[in-house]
Protein backbone atom coordinates (compact mmCIF):
# COMPACT_ATOMS: atom_id res chain seq x y z
CA PHE A 1 81.27 -26.52 -43.81
CA LEU A 2 79.04 -25.65 -40.81
CA THR A 3 76.24 -24.58 -43.15
CA TYR A 4 76.42 -27.98 -44.82
CA ILE A 5 76.30 -29.81 -41.44
CA ASN A 6 73.41 -27.67 -40.15
CA LYS A 7 71.44 -28.24 -43.36
CA ASN A 8 71.96 -32.01 -43.14
CA TRP A 9 71.03 -32.09 -39.46
CA CYS A 10 67.86 -30.12 -40.19
CA GLU A 11 66.93 -32.57 -42.94
CA ILE A 12 67.54 -35.54 -40.65
CA ILE A 13 65.55 -34.02 -37.78
CA ASN A 14 62.71 -33.05 -40.13
CA SER A 15 62.66 -36.57 -41.56
CA GLN A 16 62.54 -38.11 -38.09
CA PHE A 17 59.75 -35.74 -37.04
CA ILE A 18 57.68 -36.68 -40.10
CA THR A 19 58.26 -40.37 -39.34
CA ILE A 20 57.02 -39.91 -35.74
CA ILE A 21 53.93 -37.98 -36.85
CA SER A 22 53.16 -40.64 -39.44
CA TRP A 23 53.57 -43.40 -36.83
CA MET A 24 51.20 -41.61 -34.42
CA GLU A 25 48.61 -41.07 -37.15
CA ASN A 26 48.89 -44.75 -38.08
CA ILE A 27 47.98 -45.78 -34.52
CA LEU A 28 45.00 -43.41 -34.47
CA GLU A 29 43.72 -44.99 -37.69
CA LYS A 30 43.76 -48.57 -36.34
CA GLU A 31 40.29 -50.08 -36.18
CA SER A 32 40.61 -50.93 -32.49
CA VAL A 33 41.55 -47.35 -31.59
CA GLN A 34 38.79 -46.00 -33.86
CA ARG A 35 36.20 -48.02 -31.89
CA VAL A 36 37.38 -46.41 -28.66
CA LYS A 37 37.52 -42.91 -30.17
CA LYS A 38 33.95 -43.22 -31.47
CA ILE A 39 32.55 -44.25 -28.09
CA LEU A 40 34.52 -41.55 -26.25
CA ASN A 41 33.32 -38.91 -28.69
CA GLU A 42 29.68 -39.98 -28.30
CA PHE A 43 30.01 -39.92 -24.50
CA ASP A 44 31.97 -36.67 -24.08
CA LYS A 45 33.67 -34.74 -26.87
CA ASP A 46 36.33 -33.55 -24.42
CA LEU A 47 37.66 -37.08 -23.87
CA LYS A 48 40.47 -37.76 -26.33
CA VAL A 49 42.73 -40.65 -27.25
CA GLU A 50 46.38 -39.80 -26.71
CA ILE A 51 49.34 -41.52 -28.33
CA LEU A 52 52.36 -42.21 -26.15
CA ASP A 53 55.95 -42.30 -27.37
CA ASN A 54 56.60 -45.31 -25.18
CA THR A 55 54.46 -48.35 -24.60
CA ALA A 56 51.64 -48.54 -22.08
CA ARG A 57 51.57 -52.34 -22.30
CA THR A 58 51.85 -52.62 -18.50
CA ALA A 59 50.64 -50.33 -15.74
CA ASN A 60 54.26 -49.50 -14.85
CA ASP A 61 55.05 -48.67 -18.50
CA ALA A 62 51.98 -46.44 -18.76
CA ALA A 63 52.70 -44.63 -15.49
CA SER A 64 56.28 -44.02 -16.57
CA SER A 65 55.14 -42.68 -19.97
CA LEU A 66 52.51 -40.45 -18.38
CA ASN A 67 54.60 -39.42 -15.38
CA CYS A 68 51.80 -40.37 -12.98
CA GLU A 69 51.25 -42.81 -10.14
CA VAL A 70 50.90 -46.48 -11.14
CA GLY A 71 47.60 -46.55 -9.22
CA ALA A 72 46.09 -44.02 -11.67
CA ILE A 73 46.40 -46.57 -14.48
CA VAL A 74 43.31 -48.69 -15.19
CA LYS A 75 44.17 -52.35 -15.71
CA SER A 76 41.52 -54.11 -17.82
CA LEU A 77 41.57 -57.77 -16.82
CA LEU A 78 39.35 -60.24 -18.61
CA LEU A 79 38.18 -63.18 -16.50
CA ARG A 80 36.31 -66.20 -17.75
CA THR A 81 33.69 -68.21 -15.95
CA ASP A 82 32.01 -71.44 -16.89
CA LYS A 83 29.26 -69.33 -18.54
CA ASP A 84 30.76 -66.10 -19.83
CA PHE A 85 33.40 -63.41 -19.39
CA ILE A 86 33.77 -60.49 -16.96
CA LEU A 87 36.03 -57.48 -17.35
CA CYS A 88 37.56 -56.21 -14.12
CA LEU A 89 38.89 -52.66 -14.06
CA VAL A 90 41.53 -52.42 -11.36
CA SER A 91 44.03 -49.82 -10.23
CA GLY A 92 47.53 -50.38 -11.63
CA ASP A 93 49.03 -50.77 -8.16
CA LYS A 94 46.51 -53.41 -7.03
CA ARG A 95 45.85 -57.07 -7.78
CA CYS A 96 42.40 -58.38 -8.64
CA SER A 97 41.18 -60.92 -6.08
CA LEU A 98 39.62 -63.88 -7.86
CA ASN A 99 38.10 -64.96 -4.54
CA LYS A 100 36.28 -61.63 -4.17
CA VAL A 101 35.07 -61.80 -7.77
CA LYS A 102 33.84 -65.36 -7.22
CA LYS A 103 31.78 -64.21 -4.23
CA ILE A 104 30.39 -61.16 -6.02
CA ILE A 105 29.20 -63.15 -9.04
CA ASP A 106 28.39 -66.26 -7.00
CA ASN A 107 30.42 -68.54 -9.23
CA LYS A 108 33.38 -70.69 -8.16
CA ASP A 109 34.66 -71.22 -11.71
CA VAL A 110 36.57 -67.99 -12.39
CA SER A 111 40.02 -67.66 -13.94
CA MET A 112 42.06 -65.33 -16.11
CA ALA A 113 41.20 -65.45 -19.81
CA ASN A 114 44.00 -66.39 -22.18
CA ALA A 115 45.32 -64.10 -24.94
CA GLU A 116 43.12 -65.66 -27.63
CA GLN A 117 39.98 -65.30 -25.49
CA VAL A 118 40.89 -61.68 -24.74
CA LYS A 119 41.21 -60.92 -28.45
CA ASP A 120 38.01 -62.80 -29.35
CA GLN A 121 35.88 -61.16 -26.65
CA THR A 122 37.25 -57.62 -26.61
CA GLY A 123 38.77 -57.19 -30.05
CA PHE A 124 41.95 -55.93 -28.37
CA SER A 125 45.34 -57.51 -27.84
CA ILE A 126 46.73 -57.81 -24.33
CA GLY A 127 48.52 -54.55 -23.49
CA GLY A 128 45.89 -52.43 -25.25
CA VAL A 129 42.62 -53.72 -23.77
CA SER A 130 40.30 -50.79 -23.36
CA PRO A 131 37.42 -50.70 -20.86
CA ILE A 132 35.14 -49.77 -23.80
CA GLY A 133 34.61 -50.75 -27.43
CA HIS A 134 34.48 -54.50 -27.00
CA ILE A 135 33.36 -56.81 -29.81
CA GLU A 136 31.17 -58.83 -27.43
CA LYS A 137 28.93 -57.61 -24.61
CA ILE A 138 30.89 -58.02 -21.38
CA ASN A 139 29.77 -57.30 -17.83
CA ILE A 140 32.20 -54.97 -16.08
CA LEU A 141 33.29 -54.70 -12.44
CA VAL A 142 35.09 -51.49 -11.46
CA ASP A 143 37.23 -51.56 -8.35
CA LYS A 144 36.59 -48.74 -5.89
CA SER A 145 40.33 -48.20 -5.36
CA LEU A 146 40.40 -46.26 -8.66
CA SER A 147 38.30 -43.54 -7.01
CA ARG A 148 41.42 -42.34 -5.11
CA PHE A 149 42.53 -40.40 -8.16
CA GLU A 150 41.13 -37.25 -9.71
CA ASN A 151 42.01 -38.56 -13.19
CA ILE A 152 42.74 -42.08 -14.31
CA TYR A 153 44.19 -43.41 -17.54
CA ALA A 154 42.92 -46.38 -19.54
CA ALA A 155 44.14 -48.18 -22.65
CA ALA A 156 42.54 -47.06 -25.89
CA GLY A 157 42.86 -50.15 -28.08
CA HIS A 158 46.61 -50.19 -28.67
CA PRO A 159 49.66 -50.46 -26.38
CA HIS A 160 50.66 -46.89 -27.28
CA SER A 161 47.23 -45.28 -26.88
CA ILE A 162 45.39 -44.16 -23.75
CA PHE A 163 42.64 -41.83 -22.64
CA LYS A 164 42.27 -39.78 -19.48
CA ILE A 165 38.96 -39.94 -17.62
CA THR A 166 37.52 -39.43 -14.13
CA TYR A 167 36.37 -42.34 -12.00
CA ASP A 168 32.71 -41.27 -12.17
CA GLN A 169 32.93 -40.89 -15.95
CA LEU A 170 34.45 -44.37 -16.21
CA LEU A 171 31.55 -45.84 -14.22
CA ASP A 172 29.01 -44.10 -16.44
CA LEU A 173 30.80 -44.86 -19.70
CA THR A 174 31.28 -48.56 -19.01
CA ASP A 175 28.02 -49.09 -17.13
CA GLY A 176 30.33 -50.89 -14.73
CA LYS A 177 29.33 -52.18 -11.32
CA GLU A 178 31.36 -50.56 -8.55
CA GLU A 179 32.85 -53.24 -6.28
CA GLU A 180 35.78 -54.00 -3.99
CA ILE A 181 37.67 -56.59 -6.02
CA VAL A 182 41.27 -56.11 -4.83
């Protein structure tokens, strides 16, 4: 009887394990994640996309999944102006100041982009917006508060995918302008 139960449990566990591996591979094959992987690989072969068991849709979710401080999570916030779009990279424990952004870019017409605009400009859905791999050319502002951390974590094109990077690498990779925007 115990042999039968153990055999069945092993089959169930093995089946679940195969399902999880298949799910993770499926995320890595998504076009949005592939764009991020390609850019990371061209920049530094040591930077890798990681798949999380739990969602990284919010900074709190990501920090919980990664067991790190919320501030080490990079929030990618797309803002729209009357002329174009700007991506602001902000620490997960901070809020982007629209007033500071308005002063930096010398434009009073700045607001958060809606979900459709985010998808159209970046090619990513909200919750998986990466700081790299956008469909359209977007100017990027990187908040200095992210420099507090040795390593930071950014979305990699899907709510379950991230990559770990240093602040200086993020500046170089994104060609972002370092500013105080929180």
